[in-house]
Amino acid sequence: MKHFDAERLRAAMRDQLSSLGVVEDGSRHVADALIQTSLRGVDSHGINLFPHYCTVVGTGRINKNPRMMVVEESPSVAALDADHGFGHHAGAEGMAIAVAKARKTGVGAV
């Protein structure tokens, strides 16, 4: 079994994604999620997916510069169109929207 320094690998993954044209937030969220998953011992959904992600960015299956936007909204719910970006990035953006809504409405323990 190979062992890698998590912080060095995280930086290398971010650099590689950035070199492929992935936006900074997307690169950060993907690298962070893959490293975190592997550190929990689930490499099949962690760093082992990294080469595949680089491939799908190259083929255009994943939008490297998505224009995420809220397409439906109510006082407590929002629907985010992630524009075919990485799910890691979309999930983080969605949570940021949810936290902002909770703070605005006073709902939830934020």
C-alpha atoms as a PDB file:
ATOM      1  CA  MET A   1       0.000   0.000   0.000  1.00  0.00           C
ATOM      2  CA  LYS A   2       1.312   3.424  -0.922  1.00  0.00           C
ATOM      3  CA  HIS A   3       1.144   6.301   1.541  1.00  0.00           C
ATOM      4  CA  PHE A   4       1.065   9.956   0.553  1.00  0.00           C
ATOM      5  CA  ASP A   5       1.279  13.174   2.500  1.00  0.00           C
ATOM      6  CA  ALA A   6      -2.317  14.440   2.387  1.00  0.00           C
ATOM      7  CA  GLU A   7      -1.426  18.130   2.165  1.00  0.00           C
ATOM      8  CA  ARG A   8       1.128  17.653  -0.614  1.00  0.00           C
ATOM      9  CA  LEU A   9      -1.305  15.470  -2.547  1.00  0.00           C
ATOM     10  CA  ARG A  10      -4.151  17.980  -2.017  1.00  0.00           C
ATOM     11  CA  ALA A  11      -1.961  20.773  -3.414  1.00  0.00           C
ATOM     12  CA  ALA A  12      -0.882  18.637  -6.395  1.00  0.00           C
ATOM     13  CA  MET A  13      -4.496  17.720  -7.170  1.00  0.00           C
ATOM     14  CA  ARG A  14      -5.606  21.353  -6.996  1.00  0.00           C
ATOM     15  CA  ASP A  15      -2.724  22.369  -9.248  1.00  0.00           C
ATOM     16  CA  GLN A  16      -3.582  19.657 -11.786  1.00  0.00           C
ATOM     17  CA  LEU A  17      -7.271  20.606 -11.877  1.00  0.00           C
ATOM     18  CA  SER A  18      -6.358  24.271 -12.214  1.00  0.00           C
ATOM     19  CA  SER A  19      -4.020  23.443 -15.096  1.00  0.00           C
ATOM     20  CA  LEU A  20      -7.017  21.788 -16.801  1.00  0.00           C
ATOM     21  CA  GLY A  21      -8.957  25.051 -16.430  1.00  0.00           C
ATOM     22  CA  VAL A  22     -11.147  24.106 -13.463  1.00  0.00           C
ATOM     23  CA  VAL A  23     -12.150  27.193 -11.469  1.00  0.00           C
ATOM     24  CA  GLU A  24     -10.419  27.692  -8.124  1.00  0.00           C
ATOM     25  CA  ASP A  25     -13.463  26.866  -5.954  1.00  0.00           C
ATOM     26  CA  GLY A  26     -14.130  23.730  -7.980  1.00  0.00           C
ATOM     27  CA  SER A  27     -10.513  22.574  -7.729  1.00  0.00           C
ATOM     28  CA  ARG A  28     -10.488  23.187  -3.997  1.00  0.00           C
ATOM     29  CA  HIS A  29     -13.762  21.386  -3.287  1.00  0.00           C
ATOM     30  CA  VAL A  30     -12.866  18.356  -5.411  1.00  0.00           C
ATOM     31  CA  ALA A  31      -9.371  17.964  -3.949  1.00  0.00           C
ATOM     32  CA  ASP A  32     -10.630  18.473  -0.391  1.00  0.00           C
ATOM     33  CA  ALA A  33     -13.434  15.935  -0.809  1.00  0.00           C
ATOM     34  CA  LEU A  34     -11.238  13.275  -2.405  1.00  0.00           C
ATOM     35  CA  ILE A  35      -8.524  13.647   0.226  1.00  0.00           C
ATOM     36  CA  GLN A  36     -11.043  13.612   3.086  1.00  0.00           C
ATOM     37  CA  THR A  37     -12.705  10.485   1.711  1.00  0.00           C
ATOM     38  CA  SER A  38      -9.404   8.648   1.341  1.00  0.00           C
ATOM     39  CA  LEU A  39      -8.342   9.681   4.841  1.00  0.00           C
ATOM     40  CA  ARG A  40     -11.527   7.970   6.057  1.00  0.00           C
ATOM     41  CA  GLY A  41     -10.341   4.838   4.252  1.00  0.00           C
ATOM     42  CA  VAL A  42     -12.655   4.918   1.238  1.00  0.00           C
ATOM     43  CA  ASP A  43     -10.179   5.295  -1.618  1.00  0.00           C
ATOM     44  CA  SER A  44     -12.720   3.967  -4.128  1.00  0.00           C
ATOM     45  CA  HIS A  45     -14.576   7.272  -3.726  1.00  0.00           C
ATOM     46  CA  GLY A  46     -11.473   9.249  -2.867  1.00  0.00           C
ATOM     47  CA  ILE A  47      -8.148   9.713  -4.618  1.00  0.00           C
ATOM     48  CA  ASN A  48      -8.680   6.717  -6.909  1.00  0.00           C
ATOM     49  CA  LEU A  49     -11.308   8.785  -8.753  1.00  0.00           C
ATOM     50  CA  PHE A  50      -8.918  11.618  -9.495  1.00  0.00           C
ATOM     51  CA  PRO A  51      -7.647  10.348 -12.887  1.00  0.00           C
ATOM     52  CA  HIS A  52     -11.262   9.797 -13.994  1.00  0.00           C
ATOM     53  CA  TYR A  53     -12.197  13.345 -12.957  1.00  0.00           C
ATOM     54  CA  CYS A  54      -9.293  14.744 -14.973  1.00  0.00           C
ATOM     55  CA  THR A  55     -10.491  12.755 -17.986  1.00  0.00           C
ATOM     56  CA  VAL A  56     -14.100  13.933 -17.756  1.00  0.00           C
ATOM     57  CA  VAL A  57     -12.993  17.544 -17.446  1.00  0.00           C
ATOM     58  CA  GLY A  58     -10.948  17.057 -20.612  1.00  0.00           C
ATOM     59  CA  THR A  59     -13.892  15.574 -22.510  1.00  0.00           C
ATOM     60  CA  GLY A  60     -16.267  18.332 -21.418  1.00  0.00           C
ATOM     61  CA  ARG A  61     -18.562  16.019 -19.444  1.00  0.00           C
ATOM     62  CA  ILE A  62     -17.836  18.160 -16.378  1.00  0.00           C
ATOM     63  CA  ASN A  63     -18.060  21.921 -16.838  1.00  0.00           C
ATOM     64  CA  LYS A  64     -14.801  23.344 -15.534  1.00  0.00           C
ATOM     65  CA  ASN A  65     -16.229  26.861 -15.215  1.00  0.00           C
ATOM     66  CA  PRO A  66     -19.887  26.419 -14.253  1.00  0.00           C
ATOM     67  CA  ARG A  67     -22.258  29.341 -13.868  1.00  0.00           C
ATOM     68  CA  MET A  68     -24.216  28.096 -10.866  1.00  0.00           C
ATOM     69  CA  MET A  69     -27.451  29.900 -10.134  1.00  0.00           C
ATOM     70  CA  VAL A  70     -30.542  29.574  -8.012  1.00  0.00           C
ATOM     71  CA  VAL A  71     -33.425  28.745 -10.353  1.00  0.00           C
ATOM     72  CA  GLU A  72     -36.249  28.427  -7.819  1.00  0.00           C
ATOM     73  CA  GLU A  73     -36.514  29.878  -4.384  1.00  0.00           C
ATOM     74  CA  SER A  74     -38.841  30.168  -1.440  1.00  0.00           C
ATOM     75  CA  PRO A  75     -38.168  31.508   2.055  1.00  0.00           C
ATOM     76  CA  SER A  76     -36.785  28.130   3.171  1.00  0.00           C
ATOM     77  CA  VAL A  77     -35.837  26.264  -0.017  1.00  0.00           C
ATOM     78  CA  ALA A  78     -33.721  26.923  -3.105  1.00  0.00           C
ATOM     79  CA  ALA A  79     -32.995  24.896  -6.232  1.00  0.00           C
ATOM     80  CA  LEU A  80     -29.473  25.310  -7.574  1.00  0.00           C
ATOM     81  CA  ASP A  81     -28.639  24.719 -11.239  1.00  0.00           C
ATOM     82  CA  ALA A  82     -24.997  23.627 -11.052  1.00  0.00           C
ATOM     83  CA  ASP A  83     -24.432  23.898 -14.821  1.00  0.00           C
ATOM     84  CA  HIS A  84     -22.795  20.450 -15.064  1.00  0.00           C
ATOM     85  CA  GLY A  85     -20.039  21.371 -12.606  1.00  0.00           C
ATOM     86  CA  PHE A  86     -18.516  19.018 -10.066  1.00  0.00           C
ATOM     87  CA  GLY A  87     -20.960  17.774  -7.456  1.00  0.00           C
ATOM     88  CA  HIS A  88     -18.434  18.542  -4.706  1.00  0.00           C
ATOM     89  CA  HIS A  89     -18.470  22.201  -5.732  1.00  0.00           C
ATOM     90  CA  ALA A  90     -22.253  22.301  -6.208  1.00  0.00           C
ATOM     91  CA  GLY A  91     -22.833  20.710  -2.808  1.00  0.00           C
ATOM     92  CA  ALA A  92     -20.680  23.317  -1.088  1.00  0.00           C
ATOM     93  CA  GLU A  93     -22.429  26.150  -2.946  1.00  0.00           C
ATOM     94  CA  GLY A  94     -25.819  24.676  -2.053  1.00  0.00           C
ATOM     95  CA  MET A  95     -24.877  24.470   1.610  1.00  0.00           C
ATOM     96  CA  ALA A  96     -23.672  28.080   1.571  1.00  0.00           C
ATOM     97  CA  ILE A  97     -27.051  29.115   0.177  1.00  0.00           C
ATOM     98  CA  ALA A  98     -28.845  27.040   2.846  1.00  0.00           C
ATOM     99  CA  VAL A  99     -26.796  28.590   5.655  1.00  0.00           C
ATOM    100  CA  ALA A 100     -27.432  32.098   4.312  1.00  0.00           C
ATOM    101  CA  LYS A 101     -31.176  31.378   4.145  1.00  0.00           C
ATOM    102  CA  ALA A 102     -31.180  30.009   7.696  1.00  0.00           C
ATOM    103  CA  ARG A 103     -29.388  33.098   8.983  1.00  0.00           C
ATOM    104  CA  LYS A 104     -31.719  35.408   7.089  1.00  0.00           C
ATOM    105  CA  THR A 105     -34.902  33.725   8.267  1.00  0.00           C
ATOM    106  CA  GLY A 106     -33.670  32.735  11.727  1.00  0.00           C
ATOM    107  CA  VAL A 107     -34.599  29.113  11.024  1.00  0.00           C
ATOM    108  CA  GLY A 108     -32.261  26.403  12.291  1.00  0.00           C
ATOM    109  CA  ALA A 109     -29.309  26.519  14.620  1.00  0.00           C
ATOM    110  CA  VAL A 110     -26.699  28.290  12.519  1.00  0.00           C
END
